[in-house]
Amino acid sequence: MRRGSPRDSPSPSPNFDSGRLELQRTTEWLRAELEVLAAERSDLLSARRDEGGTVRFRILPLPR
């Protein structure tokens, strides 16, 4: 996944709610980034395309 340096990311505000996150990217961009992450980190994320062509992502449990 492509990321900027830590200096590119502002500090979270005191009102930051990690359960509600608004991403200002297109659906196509998100899908492409998640597919790359699933390929690079198959221990963390799986991706599969169903018969209709929809890509479904699943976060995998961490090993204990």
N, C-alpha and C. Protein backbone atom coordinates (compact mmCIF):
# COMPACT_ATOMS: atom_id res chain seq x y z
N MET A 1 0.85 -1.16 0.00
CA MET A 1 0.00 0.00 0.00
C MET A 1 0.90 1.23 0.00
N ARG A 2 0.60 2.17 -0.84
CA ARG A 2 1.40 3.36 -0.93
C ARG A 2 1.00 4.34 0.17
N ARG A 3 2.00 4.86 0.85
CA ARG A 3 1.74 5.79 1.95
C ARG A 3 2.73 6.93 1.89
N GLY A 4 2.34 8.08 2.39
CA GLY A 4 3.24 9.21 2.50
C GLY A 4 4.05 9.09 3.78
N SER A 5 4.92 10.04 3.97
CA SER A 5 5.71 10.03 5.19
C SER A 5 4.83 10.46 6.36
N PRO A 6 5.25 10.17 7.59
CA PRO A 6 4.45 10.57 8.76
C PRO A 6 4.20 12.07 8.80
N ARG A 7 5.13 12.85 8.23
CA ARG A 7 4.95 14.30 8.22
C ARG A 7 3.77 14.70 7.35
N ASP A 8 3.38 13.86 6.38
CA ASP A 8 2.27 14.16 5.48
C ASP A 8 0.92 13.98 6.18
N SER A 9 0.89 13.27 7.28
CA SER A 9 -0.35 12.96 7.97
C SER A 9 -0.51 13.85 9.19
N PRO A 10 -1.60 14.62 9.24
CA PRO A 10 -1.81 15.44 10.43
C PRO A 10 -2.13 14.57 11.64
N SER A 11 -1.87 15.11 12.81
CA SER A 11 -2.22 14.40 14.04
C SER A 11 -3.73 14.32 14.15
N PRO A 12 -4.27 13.21 14.66
CA PRO A 12 -5.72 13.12 14.80
C PRO A 12 -6.23 14.16 15.79
N SER A 13 -7.39 14.68 15.50
CA SER A 13 -7.97 15.66 16.41
C SER A 13 -8.46 14.95 17.67
N PRO A 14 -8.68 15.69 18.76
CA PRO A 14 -9.18 15.06 19.98
C PRO A 14 -10.57 14.46 19.79
N ASN A 15 -11.27 14.87 18.75
CA ASN A 15 -12.62 14.35 18.47
C ASN A 15 -12.60 13.21 17.47
N PHE A 16 -11.41 12.69 17.15
CA PHE A 16 -11.29 11.62 16.16
C PHE A 16 -12.03 10.39 16.63
N ASP A 17 -12.85 9.83 15.77
CA ASP A 17 -13.62 8.62 16.06
C ASP A 17 -13.15 7.54 15.10
N SER A 18 -12.34 6.60 15.57
CA SER A 18 -11.79 5.57 14.69
C SER A 18 -12.88 4.64 14.15
N GLY A 19 -14.04 4.62 14.77
CA GLY A 19 -15.15 3.80 14.28
C GLY A 19 -15.87 4.42 13.11
N ARG A 20 -15.62 5.70 12.86
CA ARG A 20 -16.28 6.40 11.76
C ARG A 20 -15.20 7.14 10.99
N LEU A 21 -14.92 6.68 9.82
CA LEU A 21 -13.83 7.23 9.04
C LEU A 21 -14.34 7.56 7.66
N GLU A 22 -14.19 8.77 7.24
CA GLU A 22 -14.60 9.19 5.91
C GLU A 22 -13.36 9.20 5.02
N LEU A 23 -13.40 8.42 3.99
CA LEU A 23 -12.27 8.34 3.06
C LEU A 23 -12.60 9.18 1.83
N GLN A 24 -11.68 10.05 1.49
CA GLN A 24 -11.91 10.93 0.36
C GLN A 24 -11.19 10.39 -0.86
N ARG A 25 -11.53 9.21 -1.24
CA ARG A 25 -10.97 8.55 -2.42
C ARG A 25 -12.12 7.88 -3.15
N THR A 26 -11.89 7.57 -4.41
CA THR A 26 -12.92 6.89 -5.20
C THR A 26 -12.99 5.42 -4.83
N THR A 27 -14.09 4.81 -5.12
CA THR A 27 -14.27 3.39 -4.88
C THR A 27 -13.22 2.58 -5.64
N GLU A 28 -12.94 2.99 -6.87
CA GLU A 28 -11.95 2.27 -7.68
C GLU A 28 -10.56 2.34 -7.04
N TRP A 29 -10.20 3.50 -6.49
CA TRP A 29 -8.91 3.65 -5.83
C TRP A 29 -8.84 2.73 -4.61
N LEU A 30 -9.89 2.73 -3.79
CA LEU A 30 -9.92 1.88 -2.60
C LEU A 30 -9.81 0.41 -2.98
N ARG A 31 -10.56 -0.02 -3.99
CA ARG A 31 -10.53 -1.41 -4.42
C ARG A 31 -9.12 -1.79 -4.87
N ALA A 32 -8.49 -0.93 -5.67
CA ALA A 32 -7.14 -1.22 -6.16
C ALA A 32 -6.14 -1.32 -5.02
N GLU A 33 -6.21 -0.40 -4.06
CA GLU A 33 -5.29 -0.43 -2.92
C GLU A 33 -5.50 -1.67 -2.06
N LEU A 34 -6.76 -2.04 -1.83
CA LEU A 34 -7.05 -3.23 -1.03
C LEU A 34 -6.60 -4.50 -1.74
N GLU A 35 -6.72 -4.55 -3.08
CA GLU A 35 -6.26 -5.72 -3.82
C GLU A 35 -4.74 -5.85 -3.72
N VAL A 36 -4.02 -4.73 -3.78
CA VAL A 36 -2.56 -4.76 -3.61
C VAL A 36 -2.22 -5.24 -2.21
N LEU A 37 -2.89 -4.70 -1.20
CA LEU A 37 -2.63 -5.11 0.18
C LEU A 37 -2.92 -6.60 0.36
N ALA A 38 -4.01 -7.10 -0.21
CA ALA A 38 -4.35 -8.52 -0.08
C ALA A 38 -3.28 -9.39 -0.73
N ALA A 39 -2.71 -8.93 -1.84
CA ALA A 39 -1.65 -9.70 -2.51
C ALA A 39 -0.36 -9.67 -1.69
N GLU A 40 -0.05 -8.51 -1.10
CA GLU A 40 1.18 -8.37 -0.34
C GLU A 40 1.09 -8.96 1.06
N ARG A 41 -0.09 -8.91 1.65
CA ARG A 41 -0.28 -9.36 3.04
C ARG A 41 -1.44 -10.36 3.12
N SER A 42 -1.26 -11.49 2.48
CA SER A 42 -2.32 -12.51 2.47
C SER A 42 -2.58 -13.09 3.85
N ASP A 43 -1.67 -12.82 4.80
CA ASP A 43 -1.89 -13.25 6.18
C ASP A 43 -2.84 -12.30 6.92
N LEU A 44 -3.09 -11.13 6.34
CA LEU A 44 -3.89 -10.10 6.98
C LEU A 44 -5.24 -9.89 6.30
N LEU A 45 -5.26 -9.99 4.97
CA LEU A 45 -6.45 -9.64 4.20
C LEU A 45 -6.61 -10.60 3.04
N SER A 46 -7.83 -11.06 2.82
CA SER A 46 -8.10 -11.89 1.65
C SER A 46 -9.05 -11.12 0.73
N ALA A 47 -8.93 -11.41 -0.55
CA ALA A 47 -9.80 -10.80 -1.55
C ALA A 47 -10.26 -11.90 -2.49
N ARG A 48 -11.52 -11.90 -2.81
CA ARG A 48 -12.01 -12.86 -3.80
C ARG A 48 -13.11 -12.20 -4.61
N ARG A 49 -13.18 -12.58 -5.87
CA ARG A 49 -14.18 -12.05 -6.78
C ARG A 49 -15.30 -13.07 -6.90
N ASP A 50 -16.54 -12.64 -6.71
CA ASP A 50 -17.66 -13.58 -6.82
C ASP A 50 -18.10 -13.70 -8.28
N GLU A 51 -19.11 -14.53 -8.53
CA GLU A 51 -19.56 -14.79 -9.90
C GLU A 51 -20.03 -13.53 -10.61
N GLY A 52 -20.53 -12.57 -9.86
CA GLY A 52 -21.01 -11.32 -10.45
C GLY A 52 -19.91 -10.31 -10.70
N GLY A 53 -18.67 -10.63 -10.29
CA GLY A 53 -17.55 -9.73 -10.51
C GLY A 53 -17.25 -8.80 -9.34
N THR A 54 -18.04 -8.89 -8.27
CA THR A 54 -17.80 -8.06 -7.10
C THR A 54 -16.62 -8.61 -6.31
N VAL A 55 -15.69 -7.74 -5.96
CA VAL A 55 -14.54 -8.15 -5.14
C VAL A 55 -14.95 -8.03 -3.68
N ARG A 56 -14.76 -9.10 -2.94
CA ARG A 56 -15.09 -9.12 -1.52
C ARG A 56 -13.80 -9.27 -0.73
N PHE A 57 -13.64 -8.42 0.28
CA PHE A 57 -12.45 -8.42 1.12
C PHE A 57 -12.82 -8.92 2.50
N ARG A 58 -11.89 -9.63 3.11
CA ARG A 58 -12.10 -10.14 4.47
C ARG A 58 -10.81 -9.93 5.26
N ILE A 59 -10.95 -9.27 6.39
CA ILE A 59 -9.81 -9.13 7.31
C ILE A 59 -9.69 -10.44 8.06
N LEU A 60 -8.50 -11.00 8.07
CA LEU A 60 -8.28 -12.31 8.68
C LEU A 60 -7.88 -12.14 10.14
N PRO A 61 -8.26 -13.11 10.97
CA PRO A 61 -7.87 -13.03 12.38
C PRO A 61 -6.36 -13.13 12.54
N LEU A 62 -5.85 -12.44 13.52
CA LEU A 62 -4.42 -12.52 13.82
C LEU A 62 -4.11 -13.85 14.47
N PRO A 63 -2.95 -14.43 14.18
CA PRO A 63 -2.60 -15.69 14.84
C PRO A 63 -2.39 -15.46 16.33
N ARG A 64 -2.70 -16.47 17.11
CA ARG A 64 -2.57 -16.36 18.57
C ARG A 64 -1.28 -16.94 19.03
